[in-house]
C-alpha atoms as a PDB file:
ATOM      1  CA  MET A   1     132.424 153.338  83.299  1.00  0.00           C
ATOM      2  CA  VAL A   2     131.997 152.248  79.686  1.00  0.00           C
ATOM      3  CA  ALA A   3     135.580 150.979  79.760  1.00  0.00           C
ATOM      4  CA  LEU A   4     134.793 148.844  82.810  1.00  0.00           C
ATOM      5  CA  LEU A   5     131.624 147.490  81.259  1.00  0.00           C
ATOM      6  CA  THR A   6     133.332 146.644  77.986  1.00  0.00           C
ATOM      7  CA  ALA A   7     136.539 145.235  79.494  1.00  0.00           C
ATOM      8  CA  SER A   8     137.683 141.930  78.126  1.00  0.00           C
ATOM      9  CA  ARG A   9     134.695 139.733  77.452  1.00  0.00           C
ATOM     10  CA  GLU A  10     136.718 136.858  76.047  1.00  0.00           C
ATOM     11  CA  ASN A  11     136.362 133.556  77.869  1.00  0.00           C
ATOM     12  CA  VAL A  12     133.814 135.017  80.280  1.00  0.00           C
ATOM     13  CA  GLU A  13     130.627 133.011  80.648  1.00  0.00           C
ATOM     14  CA  PRO A  14     127.592 135.188  79.686  1.00  0.00           C
ATOM     15  CA  GLY A  15     125.943 134.791  83.086  1.00  0.00           C
ATOM     16  CA  GLU A  16     129.080 135.815  84.951  1.00  0.00           C
ATOM     17  CA  LEU A  17     129.547 138.764  82.622  1.00  0.00           C
ATOM     18  CA  ALA A  18     125.981 139.940  83.259  1.00  0.00           C
ATOM     19  CA  ARG A  19     126.396 139.504  87.017  1.00  0.00           C
ATOM     20  CA  ARG A  20     129.627 141.501  86.932  1.00  0.00           C
ATOM     21  CA  ASN A  21     128.245 144.311  84.789  1.00  0.00           C
ATOM     22  CA  TYR A  22     124.971 144.681  86.660  1.00  0.00           C
ATOM     23  CA  SER A  23     126.804 144.804  89.967  1.00  0.00           C
ATOM     24  CA  LEU A  24     128.785 147.740  88.546  1.00  0.00           C
ATOM     25  CA  ILE A  25     125.717 149.788  87.615  1.00  0.00           C
ATOM     26  CA  MET A  26     123.544 149.079  90.654  1.00  0.00           C
ATOM     27  CA  ALA A  27     124.061 150.692  94.035  1.00  0.00           C
ATOM     28  CA  PRO A  28     126.894 148.823  95.786  1.00  0.00           C
ATOM     29  CA  SER A  29     124.697 148.111  98.792  1.00  0.00           C
ATOM     30  CA  PHE A  30     122.043 146.536  96.563  1.00  0.00           C
ATOM     31  CA  ALA A  31     124.413 144.252  94.697  1.00  0.00           C
ATOM     32  CA  GLU A  32     125.926 143.042  97.974  1.00  0.00           C
ATOM     33  CA  SER A  33     122.609 142.403  99.700  1.00  0.00           C
ATOM     34  CA  HIS A  34     120.666 140.873  96.781  1.00  0.00           C
ATOM     35  CA  PRO A  35     122.800 138.061  95.343  1.00  0.00           C
ATOM     36  CA  GLN A  36     119.696 136.179  94.172  1.00  0.00           C
ATOM     37  CA  THR A  37     118.669 139.088  91.949  1.00  0.00           C
ATOM     38  CA  LEU A  38     122.101 139.045  90.339  1.00  0.00           C
ATOM     39  CA  GLU A  39     121.833 135.275  89.906  1.00  0.00           C
ATOM     40  CA  ASN A  40     118.449 135.731  88.189  1.00  0.00           C
ATOM     41  CA  ILE A  41     120.031 138.261  85.828  1.00  0.00           C
ATOM     42  CA  ALA A  42     122.866 135.812  85.163  1.00  0.00           C
ATOM     43  CA  ALA A  43     120.378 133.033  84.375  1.00  0.00           C
ATOM     44  CA  ILE A  44     118.617 135.222  81.816  1.00  0.00           C
ATOM     45  CA  ALA A  45     121.958 136.136  80.238  1.00  0.00           C
ATOM     46  CA  ARG A  46     122.878 132.467  79.950  1.00  0.00           C
ATOM     47  CA  TYR A  47     119.619 131.808  78.153  1.00  0.00           C
ATOM     48  CA  ARG A  48     119.774 134.892  75.891  1.00  0.00           C
ATOM     49  CA  PRO A  49     123.374 136.094  75.741  1.00  0.00           C
ATOM     50  CA  LEU A  50     124.075 139.516  74.273  1.00  0.00           C
ATOM     51  CA  THR A  51     126.914 139.653  71.772  1.00  0.00           C
ATOM     52  CA  ALA A  52     129.876 141.849  72.627  1.00  0.00           C
ATOM     53  CA  GLN A  53     129.176 143.987  69.565  1.00  0.00           C
ATOM     54  CA  SER A  54     125.518 144.494  70.527  1.00  0.00           C
ATOM     55  CA  TYR A  55     126.446 145.394  74.084  1.00  0.00           C
ATOM     56  CA  LEU A  56     129.049 147.919  72.967  1.00  0.00           C
ATOM     57  CA  ARG A  57     126.662 149.511  70.467  1.00  0.00           C
ATOM     58  CA  GLN A  58     124.027 149.866  73.179  1.00  0.00           C
ATOM     59  CA  LEU A  59     126.479 151.674  75.463  1.00  0.00           C
ATOM     60  CA  GLN A  60     127.775 153.881  72.649  1.00  0.00           C
ATOM     61  CA  SER A  61     124.297 154.865  71.496  1.00  0.00           C
ATOM     62  CA  GLY A  62     123.500 156.167  74.957  1.00  0.00           C
ATOM     63  CA  GLN A  63     126.533 158.409  74.801  1.00  0.00           C
ATOM     64  CA  SER A  64     125.931 159.778  71.319  1.00  0.00           C
ATOM     65  CA  HIS A  65     122.130 160.165  71.284  1.00  0.00           C
ATOM     66  CA  ASP A  66     121.338 163.843  71.844  1.00  0.00           C
ATOM     67  CA  VAL A  67     117.788 165.179  71.757  1.00  0.00           C
ATOM     68  CA  ALA A  68     118.332 168.131  74.092  1.00  0.00           C
ATOM     69  CA  GLN A  69     116.995 170.610  71.539  1.00  0.00           C
ATOM     70  CA  GLN A  70     113.716 168.703  71.264  1.00  0.00           C
ATOM     71  CA  LEU A  71     112.861 168.285  74.953  1.00  0.00           C
ATOM     72  CA  GLU A  72     110.744 171.439  75.212  1.00  0.00           C
ATOM     73  CA  ARG A  73     108.483 170.106  72.453  1.00  0.00           C
ATOM     74  CA  ILE A  74     107.392 167.112  74.538  1.00  0.00           C
ATOM     75  CA  GLN A  75     103.734 167.491  75.435  1.00  0.00           C
ATOM     76  CA  ALA A  76     103.067 164.135  77.078  1.00  0.00           C
ATOM     77  CA  PRO A  77     103.056 163.874  80.866  1.00  0.00           C
ATOM     78  CA  THR A  78     106.584 162.848  81.790  1.00  0.00           C
ATOM     79  CA  LEU A  79     108.052 161.185  84.857  1.00  0.00           C
ATOM     80  CA  VAL A  80     111.833 161.312  85.220  1.00  0.00           C
ATOM     81  CA  ILE A  81     113.177 158.748  87.694  1.00  0.00           C
ATOM     82  CA  HIS A  82     116.822 158.620  88.680  1.00  0.00           C
ATOM     83  CA  GLY A  83     119.060 156.927  91.226  1.00  0.00           C
ATOM     84  CA  ASP A  84     121.459 159.222  93.045  1.00  0.00           C
ATOM     85  CA  VAL A  85     124.363 156.755  92.772  1.00  0.00           C
ATOM     86  CA  ASP A  86     123.852 155.869  89.100  1.00  0.00           C
ATOM     87  CA  PRO A  87     127.365 155.407  87.703  1.00  0.00           C
ATOM     88  CA  LEU A  88     126.223 155.450  84.058  1.00  0.00           C
ATOM     89  CA  VAL A  89     123.985 158.505  83.907  1.00  0.00           C
ATOM     90  CA  PRO A  90     124.823 161.453  86.174  1.00  0.00           C
ATOM     91  CA  THR A  91     121.937 162.794  88.257  1.00  0.00           C
ATOM     92  CA  GLY A  92     122.458 166.099  86.491  1.00  0.00           C
ATOM     93  CA  ASN A  93     121.080 164.474  83.347  1.00  0.00           C
ATOM     94  CA  GLY A  94     117.809 163.716  85.137  1.00  0.00           C
ATOM     95  CA  ASP A  95     117.738 167.261  86.493  1.00  0.00           C
ATOM     96  CA  TYR A  96     118.241 168.588  82.974  1.00  0.00           C
ATOM     97  CA  LEU A  97     115.416 166.461  81.565  1.00  0.00           C
ATOM     98  CA  ALA A  98     113.015 167.543  84.287  1.00  0.00           C
ATOM     99  CA  GLN A  99     113.904 171.210  83.793  1.00  0.00           C
ATOM    100  CA  HIS A 100     113.472 171.126  80.022  1.00  0.00           C
ATOM    101  CA  ILE A 101     110.415 168.904  79.589  1.00  0.00           C
ATOM    102  CA  PRO A 102     107.359 171.049  80.323  1.00  0.00           C
ATOM    103  CA  GLY A 103     105.563 169.904  83.469  1.00  0.00           C
ATOM    104  CA  ALA A 104     107.840 166.924  84.057  1.00  0.00           C
ATOM    105  CA  LYS A 105     107.838 165.339  87.491  1.00  0.00           C
ATOM    106  CA  HIS A 106     111.261 164.352  88.822  1.00  0.00           C
ATOM    107  CA  ILE A 107     111.979 161.703  91.436  1.00  0.00           C
ATOM    108  CA  VAL A 108     115.475 160.910  92.698  1.00  0.00           C
ATOM    109  CA  TYR A 109     115.911 157.765  94.774  1.00  0.00           C
ATOM    110  CA  HIS A 110     118.540 157.809  97.509  1.00  0.00           C
ATOM    111  CA  ASN A 111     121.243 155.126  97.390  1.00  0.00           C
ATOM    112  CA  VAL A 112     119.912 153.701  94.116  1.00  0.00           C
ATOM    113  CA  GLY A 113     121.957 153.048  90.991  1.00  0.00           C
ATOM    114  CA  HIS A 114     121.036 152.727  87.337  1.00  0.00           C
ATOM    115  CA  ILE A 115     118.121 150.302  87.659  1.00  0.00           C
ATOM    116  CA  PRO A 116     115.519 151.668  90.094  1.00  0.00           C
ATOM    117  CA  ILE A 117     112.863 149.258  88.825  1.00  0.00           C
ATOM    118  CA  MET A 118     114.976 146.394  90.186  1.00  0.00           C
ATOM    119  CA  GLU A 119     116.632 148.113  93.131  1.00  0.00           C
ATOM    120  CA  VAL A 120     113.508 149.623  94.722  1.00  0.00           C
ATOM    121  CA  PRO A 121     110.645 147.906  92.868  1.00  0.00           C
ATOM    122  CA  GLU A 122     107.901 148.628  95.399  1.00  0.00           C
ATOM    123  CA  GLN A 123     108.676 152.349  95.571  1.00  0.00           C
ATOM    124  CA  PHE A 124     109.177 152.515  91.813  1.00  0.00           C
ATOM    125  CA  ASN A 125     105.798 150.876  91.175  1.00  0.00           C
ATOM    126  CA  ARG A 126     104.026 153.137  93.693  1.00  0.00           C
ATOM    127  CA  ASP A 127     105.524 156.239  92.110  1.00  0.00           C
ATOM    128  CA  VAL A 128     104.717 155.179  88.555  1.00  0.00           C
ATOM    129  CA  LEU A 129     101.144 154.192  89.451  1.00  0.00           C
ATOM    130  CA  ALA A 130     100.612 157.465  91.337  1.00  0.00           C
ATOM    131  CA  PHE A 131     101.938 159.379  88.332  1.00  0.00           C
ATOM    132  CA  LEU A 132      99.644 157.488  85.963  1.00  0.00           C
ATOM    133  CA  ASP A 133      96.649 158.097  88.240  1.00  0.00           C
ATOM    134  CA  ASN A 134      97.113 161.874  88.016  1.00  0.00           C
END
């Protein structure tokens, strides 16, 4: 997936690049049925483009950052939210977090990719608010 997201960026307009990359990490059904959301993302990228180097470093840091040995020390209430068709982060990673953070609550959204806050915003907000209320 990282290879797809970092494929040739030369001569690609920042908005089109953002649209392309976000459509790769969201659930396919969402990207197809919400073209305006992707256009909004593209507009933001045109206004504040991310350099290729910054983008690559962001992706690489997610792959190399390992805090597994520290998870059991977390004492704060923790909500782990994951999409079941996330192509960047396997659902097993969310399972692992929830199993190793004491008292963590774990929610997996069906047919949702890497960005639940955008793909199912109403459900995401309800779940976060309910978690914060408890």
